[in-house]
Amino acid sequence: MKDETVLDQESIQQGVQDWLINYVANELKVDPPLINPTHTFDQLGLDSVTTVALTGELEGVLGRSLSPSLPYEYPSIEALANFLALSD
């Protein structure tokens, strides 16, 4: 049986990843299943302005301040969601 902390982190990670997938899909005007969470934001077709805007939107969702450089430090949906789940 998994520790509750691990389950919480997995739940947060999945929730953030789902939100990011939907956000990127909306920005790119494609269906969410077409978004590969392991691809970099650049590979997905996001420019720097959209990537910084993503961070601002994510701040509102999570209710905490985030560095605009996070998508560059954690350049994929999966990497960013994992980081945010572990840093919560």
Protein backbone atom coordinates (compact mmCIF):
# COMPACT_ATOMS: atom_id res chain seq x y z
CA MET A 1 0.00 0.00 0.00
CA LYS A 2 1.27 3.43 -0.92
CA ASP A 3 1.92 6.18 1.60
CA GLU A 4 -0.75 8.94 1.65
CA THR A 5 1.89 11.53 0.74
CA VAL A 6 2.79 9.58 -2.39
CA LEU A 7 -0.89 9.31 -3.32
CA ASP A 8 -1.36 13.06 -2.79
CA GLN A 9 1.68 13.82 -4.96
CA GLU A 10 0.42 11.49 -7.69
CA SER A 11 -3.02 13.10 -7.52
CA ILE A 12 -1.54 16.60 -7.72
CA GLN A 13 0.78 15.56 -10.54
CA GLN A 14 -2.07 14.06 -12.55
CA GLY A 15 -4.33 17.05 -11.92
CA VAL A 16 -1.67 19.55 -12.97
CA GLN A 17 -0.73 17.45 -15.99
CA ASP A 18 -4.38 17.22 -17.08
CA TRP A 19 -4.79 20.99 -16.66
CA LEU A 20 -1.61 21.67 -18.66
CA ILE A 21 -2.67 19.31 -21.44
CA ASN A 22 -6.05 21.04 -21.70
CA TYR A 23 -4.45 24.50 -21.60
CA VAL A 24 -1.97 23.65 -24.36
CA ALA A 25 -4.65 21.93 -26.45
CA ASN A 26 -6.85 25.02 -26.14
CA GLU A 27 -3.98 27.34 -27.11
CA LEU A 28 -3.09 25.18 -30.12
CA LYS A 29 -6.74 24.52 -30.99
CA VAL A 30 -6.33 20.74 -31.03
CA ASP A 31 -7.94 17.88 -29.13
CA PRO A 32 -6.25 17.13 -25.76
CA PRO A 33 -5.42 13.50 -26.70
CA LEU A 34 -3.12 14.89 -29.40
CA ILE A 35 -0.89 16.54 -26.78
CA ASN A 36 2.09 14.40 -25.76
CA PRO A 37 3.08 15.39 -22.20
CA THR A 38 6.67 14.26 -22.76
CA HIS A 39 7.27 16.69 -25.63
CA THR A 40 8.83 20.03 -24.81
CA PHE A 41 6.66 23.12 -24.91
CA ASP A 42 8.70 24.19 -27.93
CA GLN A 43 8.06 20.86 -29.69
CA LEU A 44 4.36 21.28 -28.98
CA GLY A 45 4.46 24.64 -30.76
CA LEU A 46 4.20 27.09 -27.87
CA ASP A 47 6.07 30.35 -28.23
CA SER A 48 7.71 32.16 -25.31
CA VAL A 49 4.78 34.55 -24.77
CA THR A 50 2.29 31.69 -24.50
CA THR A 51 4.62 29.74 -22.23
CA VAL A 52 4.96 32.67 -19.82
CA ALA A 53 1.17 33.20 -19.95
CA LEU A 54 0.75 29.52 -19.08
CA THR A 55 2.74 30.11 -15.88
CA GLY A 56 0.52 33.06 -14.96
CA GLU A 57 -2.64 31.01 -15.49
CA LEU A 58 -1.18 28.13 -13.51
CA GLU A 59 -0.48 30.50 -10.60
CA GLY A 60 -4.18 31.24 -10.41
CA VAL A 61 -5.12 27.58 -10.55
CA LEU A 62 -2.65 26.54 -7.86
CA GLY A 63 -3.06 29.67 -5.74
CA ARG A 64 0.66 30.24 -5.36
CA SER A 65 3.38 32.31 -6.95
CA LEU A 66 5.45 30.63 -9.68
CA SER A 67 8.58 31.75 -11.48
CA PRO A 68 7.96 32.55 -15.15
CA SER A 69 11.11 30.56 -15.91
CA LEU A 70 9.64 27.24 -14.68
CA PRO A 71 8.65 26.04 -18.17
CA TYR A 72 12.26 26.53 -19.25
CA GLU A 73 13.63 24.68 -16.22
CA TYR A 74 11.01 21.92 -16.59
CA PRO A 75 10.37 22.07 -20.34
CA SER A 76 7.60 19.50 -20.77
CA ILE A 77 4.13 19.09 -19.34
CA GLU A 78 5.22 15.92 -17.55
CA ALA A 79 8.37 17.48 -16.08
CA LEU A 80 6.58 20.62 -14.91
CA ALA A 81 3.68 18.67 -13.38
CA ASN A 82 6.13 16.36 -11.56
CA PHE A 83 8.07 19.32 -10.16
CA LEU A 84 4.93 21.11 -9.01
CA ALA A 85 3.57 17.98 -7.33
CA LEU A 86 6.81 17.47 -5.41
CA SER A 87 7.15 21.13 -4.43
CA ASP A 88 3.60 21.55 -3.13
